[in-house]
Structures are given as structure tokens and as C-alpha cells.
Amino acid sequence: MRITAENTAKALLTVVAFSALASLLLIAVFILKEGLPFMLKIGVGQFLFSSSWNPQAGQFGVFPMIVSSLYVTFGAMLIGAPLGVAGAIFMNEFLPRKVMRVIKPTIELLAGIPSVVFGFLGVMVLAPLIREHMGGPGLSVLAASAILGIMVLPTVISISTDAIGAVPNSYREGALALGATRWQSVHMVTVKAARSGIIASIILAMGRALGETMAVIMVAGNTVKIPHAVTDPVRTLTANIALEMSNATGMAREALFATGVVLFVVIMVLNGFALSVIKGRGGRR
């Protein structure tokens, strides 16, 4: 009877696992089926590297949105990655364990706050500050990067904290026994030992920032152009899909699916790289 129950549970878990993989595969196939023919029809180079986006005039160039997405994403990582890693180091190495057990779940709760709330704060607080002190419309690359930098903090902090916490205490004790200071032990030994996990957290956070939609729509300005300053308004790939999909028909609709293909490929590459880093970390152990 026990063996039968175990086999049943194993079969159910296998079905659930493969159903998740099947769902991902169906999504990928659907996006590729809808978007690739359009890219091949107008030319992959024309679609990816043209700077003109005007569906009504038959112009479908996503290059400004690709550049804008990369600018906003890397700007977010310049803000979120150092703060997240520093927070993880502080919580693991300098805070008492009892305090860390309270603060870590609290920080992770940030991941549950709807993105529209972050976008609203960006529109009401951050954009006016940028407009007043730096010029421009306020809704810009800088505003989007700052909001996304805050939004990815839970991802960076959580995974980096786990990576640093997994470093054996013998590493720290050995460094201190050799005469290193507390900070030298953290900087030269603990962080280097957890480097793969920290890098993985940054890459995963980058994927989250690249795929964010609602907050970016609210604070980026939604202007299709290549930004030349951090105060310029921009439109990202995700924002373009969300803004135009409801009214798109014909070739415009196909162009949005092709935009989804570009976004899907970039995110899959980032996630694949993160998984390879994590596996490499496990292999070295």
C-alpha cells in the first residue's frame, strides 16, 4: 500500500513538472509562430536596426526600443546590484542572526508589492524631483532605472544572502586566524567564495528588470527615440507591446509579436546564463 502511494505521488509530481515545461514550450512556440514570419517578411535587419516605428505608415523598427530597454535595465542594475549586494553582506556578516531573521523576510515582502505602486511613487515623487533638479520632462531613463533598481532589490538581496550564508564558517575563521581584519575576511574570502551566487542574483534581477512593464510605462515617458541623456523619455520593448497590443491589427499585431520574440530571446539568454553560473557553482563544490 505504501509503495502504491509513493508511486502515485511520484507520478503526480512528474506530471506537474512536465506540465510546467509544456506550458513554457507552448508559449515559446506560439510567440515564435506569430512573430518570426513577420520578421522574415520585412527582413530581420530592417526590423532590428531601423529607428522608425510607425505602424500606420508601415514602419516597424524596434532599434530605439532595444537600446532604451538596455539602457533602463543596466541603469537599474547600476543602482540595484551594489545596494543589494551591500545589504546582503551587511545582513550576513554584521547583523545579529535574530535581527537578520526579521529583516530578510521584510525585504522579501517588497517583491509582493504591485509594480503599479512603484510606478505611482515614481510619477508623484521621483519624476518631479528629476524635472526640478536635472531638467527634462522628469519621466525618463533615470526615473525608470531608479524605480526598477528598487524593484529588483529583493531578488539581489535574497539570493546573495543565501549565497553568502552558504560559505562555510571555516573560511572566515581561517582568514581571521591568519591576521585578517573583519572587513578583509569579508571582502577577500567570503564574498569571493560566494561570487557565483552573487553573479547569478544580479543576472536574474536583470531579467526581472528587462521584463517589467507597468512601472516602466508609468515613469519612462513612452517616446520612441534613442536616448542621448538619462533625462530623455524612452519606450522599452515591454512598454511598446503593452501600449499598442489592444488596438493593433494586421501587420501591426504581427510586429508586436515579433517584438515579443526579441524580448523572449534576450530574457532566455540571460536566464540560461544565470543557470549555467549556478550549476558551475554547484560543480566547484
Protein backbone atom coordinates (compact mmCIF):
# COMPACT_ATOMS: atom_id res chain seq x y z
CA MET A 1 0.00 0.00 0.00
CA ARG A 2 2.83 2.37 0.92
CA ILE A 3 4.66 1.63 -2.32
CA THR A 4 1.50 2.33 -4.31
CA ALA A 5 1.02 5.71 -2.59
CA GLU A 6 4.65 6.65 -3.24
CA ASN A 7 4.38 5.68 -6.91
CA THR A 8 1.16 7.68 -7.24
CA ALA A 9 2.76 10.74 -5.67
CA LYS A 10 5.81 10.36 -7.91
CA ALA A 11 3.61 10.11 -11.00
CA LEU A 12 1.60 13.21 -10.00
CA LEU A 13 4.75 15.25 -9.35
CA THR A 14 6.17 14.14 -12.69
CA VAL A 15 3.00 15.23 -14.48
CA VAL A 16 3.09 18.63 -12.73
CA ALA A 17 6.76 19.12 -13.64
CA PHE A 18 6.24 18.24 -17.29
CA SER A 19 3.08 20.35 -17.48
CA ALA A 20 5.12 23.39 -16.43
CA LEU A 21 7.70 22.62 -19.11
CA ALA A 22 4.95 22.03 -21.66
CA SER A 23 3.35 25.39 -20.83
CA LEU A 24 6.66 27.17 -21.34
CA LEU A 25 7.21 25.33 -24.61
CA LEU A 26 3.72 26.21 -25.88
CA ILE A 27 4.25 29.89 -25.03
CA ALA A 28 7.59 29.89 -26.85
CA VAL A 29 6.17 28.12 -29.89
CA PHE A 30 3.18 30.47 -30.06
CA ILE A 31 5.31 33.61 -29.87
CA LEU A 32 7.77 32.31 -32.45
CA LYS A 33 4.95 31.17 -34.75
CA GLU A 34 3.32 34.59 -34.65
CA GLY A 35 6.44 36.74 -34.75
CA LEU A 36 9.08 35.02 -36.87
CA PRO A 37 7.16 35.09 -40.20
CA PHE A 38 6.77 38.86 -39.88
CA MET A 39 10.47 39.33 -39.15
CA LEU A 40 11.39 37.21 -42.17
CA LYS A 41 8.87 39.04 -44.35
CA ILE A 42 10.19 42.55 -43.74
CA GLY A 43 13.76 41.47 -43.04
CA VAL A 44 15.39 40.73 -39.70
CA GLY A 45 17.93 43.51 -40.16
CA GLN A 46 15.27 46.04 -41.10
CA PHE A 47 13.18 45.11 -38.05
CA LEU A 48 16.02 45.07 -35.54
CA PHE A 49 18.09 48.02 -36.72
CA SER A 50 15.61 50.51 -38.18
CA SER A 51 14.85 53.54 -35.99
CA SER A 52 11.36 54.26 -37.35
CA TRP A 53 8.30 52.88 -35.58
CA ASN A 54 5.03 53.97 -37.17
CA PRO A 55 2.66 51.04 -37.76
CA GLN A 56 0.14 53.21 -39.62
CA ALA A 57 2.82 54.11 -42.17
CA GLY A 58 4.16 50.56 -42.36
CA GLN A 59 7.37 51.37 -40.49
CA PHE A 60 8.42 48.73 -37.97
CA GLY A 61 11.83 49.40 -36.47
CA VAL A 62 12.47 48.43 -32.85
CA PHE A 63 16.09 49.55 -32.55
CA PRO A 64 15.29 52.60 -30.35
CA MET A 65 13.26 50.35 -28.04
CA ILE A 66 16.02 47.76 -27.84
CA VAL A 67 18.53 50.46 -26.91
CA SER A 68 16.08 52.00 -24.42
CA SER A 69 15.41 48.63 -22.80
CA LEU A 70 19.13 48.00 -22.38
CA TYR A 71 19.76 51.50 -21.01
CA VAL A 72 16.95 51.22 -18.48
CA THR A 73 17.92 47.69 -17.47
CA PHE A 74 21.61 48.39 -16.99
CA GLY A 75 20.77 51.64 -15.21
CA ALA A 76 18.58 49.65 -12.84
CA MET A 77 21.43 47.22 -12.19
CA LEU A 78 23.86 50.06 -11.50
CA ILE A 79 21.50 51.12 -8.74
CA GLY A 80 20.08 47.82 -7.52
CA ALA A 81 23.09 45.48 -7.74
CA PRO A 82 25.53 47.40 -5.47
CA LEU A 83 22.82 48.21 -2.93
CA GLY A 84 21.53 44.63 -2.94
CA VAL A 85 24.96 43.02 -2.56
CA ALA A 86 25.96 45.51 0.14
CA GLY A 87 22.72 44.81 2.01
CA ALA A 88 23.29 41.06 1.77
CA ILE A 89 26.86 41.40 3.09
CA PHE A 90 25.72 43.61 5.96
CA MET A 91 22.91 41.27 6.98
CA ASN A 92 25.08 38.14 6.87
CA GLU A 93 28.31 39.41 8.33
CA PHE A 94 27.49 42.28 10.66
CA LEU A 95 23.91 41.92 11.87
CA PRO A 96 22.95 39.58 14.74
CA ARG A 97 21.18 36.46 13.48
CA LYS A 98 17.98 37.29 15.35
CA VAL A 99 17.76 40.69 13.65
CA MET A 100 18.55 39.23 10.21
CA ARG A 101 15.73 36.69 10.55
CA VAL A 102 13.32 39.62 10.90
CA ILE A 103 14.80 41.97 8.29
CA LYS A 104 15.30 39.42 5.47
CA PRO A 105 11.62 38.39 5.20
CA THR A 106 10.63 42.04 5.44
CA ILE A 107 12.83 42.94 2.48
CA GLU A 108 11.49 39.96 0.53
CA LEU A 109 7.97 41.33 1.03
CA LEU A 110 8.94 44.14 -1.37
CA ALA A 111 8.66 41.59 -4.16
CA GLY A 112 4.95 41.27 -3.40
CA ILE A 113 4.19 44.98 -3.80
CA PRO A 114 2.37 45.57 -7.12
CA SER A 115 4.54 47.28 -9.72
CA VAL A 116 1.86 49.92 -10.24
CA VAL A 117 2.55 51.16 -6.71
CA PHE A 118 6.22 51.68 -7.54
CA GLY A 119 5.19 53.39 -10.76
CA PHE A 120 2.82 55.70 -8.89
CA LEU A 121 5.59 56.70 -6.47
CA GLY A 122 7.87 57.34 -9.44
CA VAL A 123 5.31 59.60 -11.12
CA MET A 124 4.38 61.52 -7.97
CA VAL A 125 7.76 61.79 -6.21
CA LEU A 126 10.74 60.88 -8.37
CA ALA A 127 9.76 62.43 -11.72
CA PRO A 128 9.09 65.91 -10.24
CA LEU A 129 12.47 65.82 -8.46
CA ILE A 130 14.29 64.92 -11.68
CA ARG A 131 12.39 67.61 -13.62
CA GLU A 132 13.20 70.26 -11.00
CA HIS A 133 16.88 69.49 -10.42
CA MET A 134 18.07 67.94 -13.70
CA GLY A 135 15.70 69.24 -16.34
CA GLY A 136 13.72 67.35 -18.93
CA PRO A 137 10.19 66.05 -18.55
CA GLY A 138 11.01 64.00 -15.45
CA LEU A 139 9.64 60.80 -16.94
CA SER A 140 12.89 59.42 -18.28
CA VAL A 141 15.60 56.78 -18.38
CA LEU A 142 16.77 57.86 -14.93
CA ALA A 143 13.31 57.61 -13.38
CA ALA A 144 12.70 54.16 -14.87
CA SER A 145 16.16 52.94 -13.84
CA ALA A 146 15.72 54.16 -10.26
CA ILE A 147 12.30 52.54 -9.87
CA LEU A 148 13.47 49.25 -11.38
CA GLY A 149 16.61 49.38 -9.24
CA ILE A 150 14.40 49.43 -6.14
CA MET A 151 12.13 46.72 -7.52
CA VAL A 152 14.99 44.25 -8.10
CA LEU A 153 16.46 44.70 -4.61
CA PRO A 154 14.55 41.75 -3.08
CA THR A 155 15.89 39.41 -5.78
CA VAL A 156 19.51 40.51 -5.37
CA ILE A 157 19.39 40.60 -1.57
CA SER A 158 17.61 37.29 -1.14
CA ILE A 159 19.80 35.20 -3.45
CA SER A 160 23.03 36.95 -2.42
CA THR A 161 22.18 36.45 1.26
CA ASP A 162 21.68 32.73 0.69
CA ALA A 163 24.94 32.51 -1.28
CA ILE A 164 26.97 34.33 1.37
CA GLY A 165 25.30 32.39 4.17
CA ALA A 166 26.28 29.12 2.47
CA VAL A 167 30.02 29.93 2.76
CA PRO A 168 31.46 27.66 5.49
CA ASN A 169 32.47 29.41 8.72
CA SER A 170 35.85 27.73 8.45
CA TYR A 171 36.69 30.15 5.62
CA ARG A 172 36.07 33.14 7.86
CA GLU A 173 37.85 31.60 10.85
CA GLY A 174 40.86 30.71 8.70
CA ALA A 175 41.15 34.28 7.40
CA LEU A 176 40.88 35.74 10.90
CA ALA A 177 43.45 33.25 12.21
CA LEU A 178 45.89 34.45 9.54
CA GLY A 179 45.59 38.02 10.84
CA ALA A 180 42.96 39.46 8.51
CA THR A 181 40.59 42.09 9.84
CA ARG A 182 36.84 41.51 9.86
CA TRP A 183 36.38 43.53 6.66
CA GLN A 184 39.35 41.87 4.93
CA SER A 185 37.86 38.49 5.77
CA VAL A 186 34.54 39.51 4.28
CA HIS A 187 35.98 41.20 1.20
CA MET A 188 38.80 38.83 0.28
CA VAL A 189 37.34 35.49 1.38
CA THR A 190 33.58 35.37 1.99
CA VAL A 191 32.44 37.48 -0.96
CA LYS A 192 34.85 35.75 -3.34
CA ALA A 193 33.64 32.33 -2.20
CA ALA A 194 30.02 33.40 -2.82
CA ARG A 195 30.81 35.20 -6.07
CA SER A 196 28.97 32.77 -8.35
CA GLY A 197 25.74 33.06 -6.35
CA ILE A 198 26.00 36.84 -6.25
CA ILE A 199 26.51 36.99 -10.01
CA ALA A 200 23.52 34.70 -10.51
CA SER A 201 21.35 37.00 -8.37
CA ILE A 202 22.36 40.01 -10.47
CA ILE A 203 21.62 38.22 -13.74
CA LEU A 204 18.22 37.04 -12.53
CA ALA A 205 17.43 40.56 -11.34
CA MET A 206 18.46 41.84 -14.76
CA GLY A 207 15.91 39.52 -16.35
CA ARG A 208 13.25 40.84 -13.98
CA ALA A 209 14.11 44.44 -14.83
CA LEU A 210 14.12 43.74 -18.57
CA GLY A 211 10.67 42.14 -18.41
CA GLU A 212 8.95 44.73 -16.20
CA THR A 213 6.05 46.53 -17.85
CA MET A 214 3.62 48.56 -15.77
CA ALA A 215 6.07 50.62 -13.72
CA VAL A 216 8.13 51.36 -16.85
CA ILE A 217 5.06 52.54 -18.75
CA MET A 218 4.28 54.98 -15.95
CA VAL A 219 7.75 56.52 -15.47
CA ALA A 220 9.73 56.13 -18.72
CA GLY A 221 7.88 58.72 -20.82
CA ASN A 222 6.98 56.38 -23.72
CA THR A 223 8.74 58.27 -26.52
CA VAL A 224 10.15 56.16 -29.35
CA LYS A 225 13.66 57.52 -29.76
CA ILE A 226 17.24 56.64 -28.94
CA PRO A 227 18.11 58.34 -25.64
CA HIS A 228 21.12 60.65 -25.54
CA ALA A 229 20.86 61.59 -21.86
CA VAL A 230 19.48 60.00 -18.70
CA THR A 231 16.77 62.67 -18.61
CA ASP A 232 15.37 61.70 -22.03
CA PRO A 233 11.98 59.93 -22.20
CA VAL A 234 12.05 56.46 -23.77
CA ARG A 235 9.87 53.48 -24.64
CA THR A 236 11.01 49.95 -23.85
CA LEU A 237 10.10 46.73 -25.66
CA THR A 238 7.68 45.63 -22.95
CA ALA A 239 6.01 49.03 -22.80
CA ASN A 240 5.57 49.05 -26.57
CA ILE A 241 3.79 45.69 -26.53
CA ALA A 242 1.51 46.66 -23.65
CA LEU A 243 0.61 50.07 -25.05
CA GLU A 244 -0.22 49.02 -28.61
CA MET A 245 -1.49 45.46 -28.42
CA SER A 246 -5.10 46.37 -27.56
CA ASN A 247 -5.58 48.37 -30.80
CA ALA A 248 -3.18 46.52 -33.10
CA THR A 249 -4.43 44.61 -36.13
CA GLY A 250 -2.86 43.05 -39.19
CA MET A 251 0.84 43.78 -39.64
CA ALA A 252 0.94 45.94 -36.51
CA ARG A 253 -0.18 42.97 -34.44
CA GLU A 254 2.41 40.74 -36.10
CA ALA A 255 5.08 43.36 -35.40
CA LEU A 256 4.23 43.30 -31.70
CA PHE A 257 4.58 39.53 -31.62
CA ALA A 258 7.94 39.93 -33.36
CA THR A 259 8.88 42.40 -30.61
CA GLY A 260 7.92 39.70 -28.14
CA VAL A 261 10.28 37.30 -29.91
CA VAL A 262 13.17 39.72 -29.44
CA LEU A 263 12.32 40.21 -25.77
CA PHE A 264 11.83 36.47 -25.23
CA VAL A 265 15.21 35.61 -26.74
CA VAL A 266 17.06 38.22 -24.66
CA ILE A 267 15.45 37.08 -21.40
CA MET A 268 16.06 33.40 -22.18
CA VAL A 269 19.72 34.12 -22.86
CA LEU A 270 20.05 35.92 -19.53
CA ASN A 271 18.25 33.18 -17.60
CA GLY A 272 20.27 30.48 -19.35
CA PHE A 273 23.48 32.24 -18.40
CA ALA A 274 22.27 32.51 -14.79
CA LEU A 275 21.52 28.77 -14.66
CA SER A 276 24.96 27.94 -16.06
CA VAL A 277 26.56 30.12 -13.36
CA ILE A 278 24.55 28.38 -10.64
CA LYS A 279 25.46 24.91 -11.99
CA GLY A 280 29.10 25.91 -12.19
CA ARG A 281 28.96 26.99 -8.57
CA GLY A 282 27.49 23.65 -7.56
CA GLY A 283 30.09 21.76 -9.57
CA ARG A 284 33.02 23.51 -7.88
CA ARG A 285 31.67 22.48 -4.52
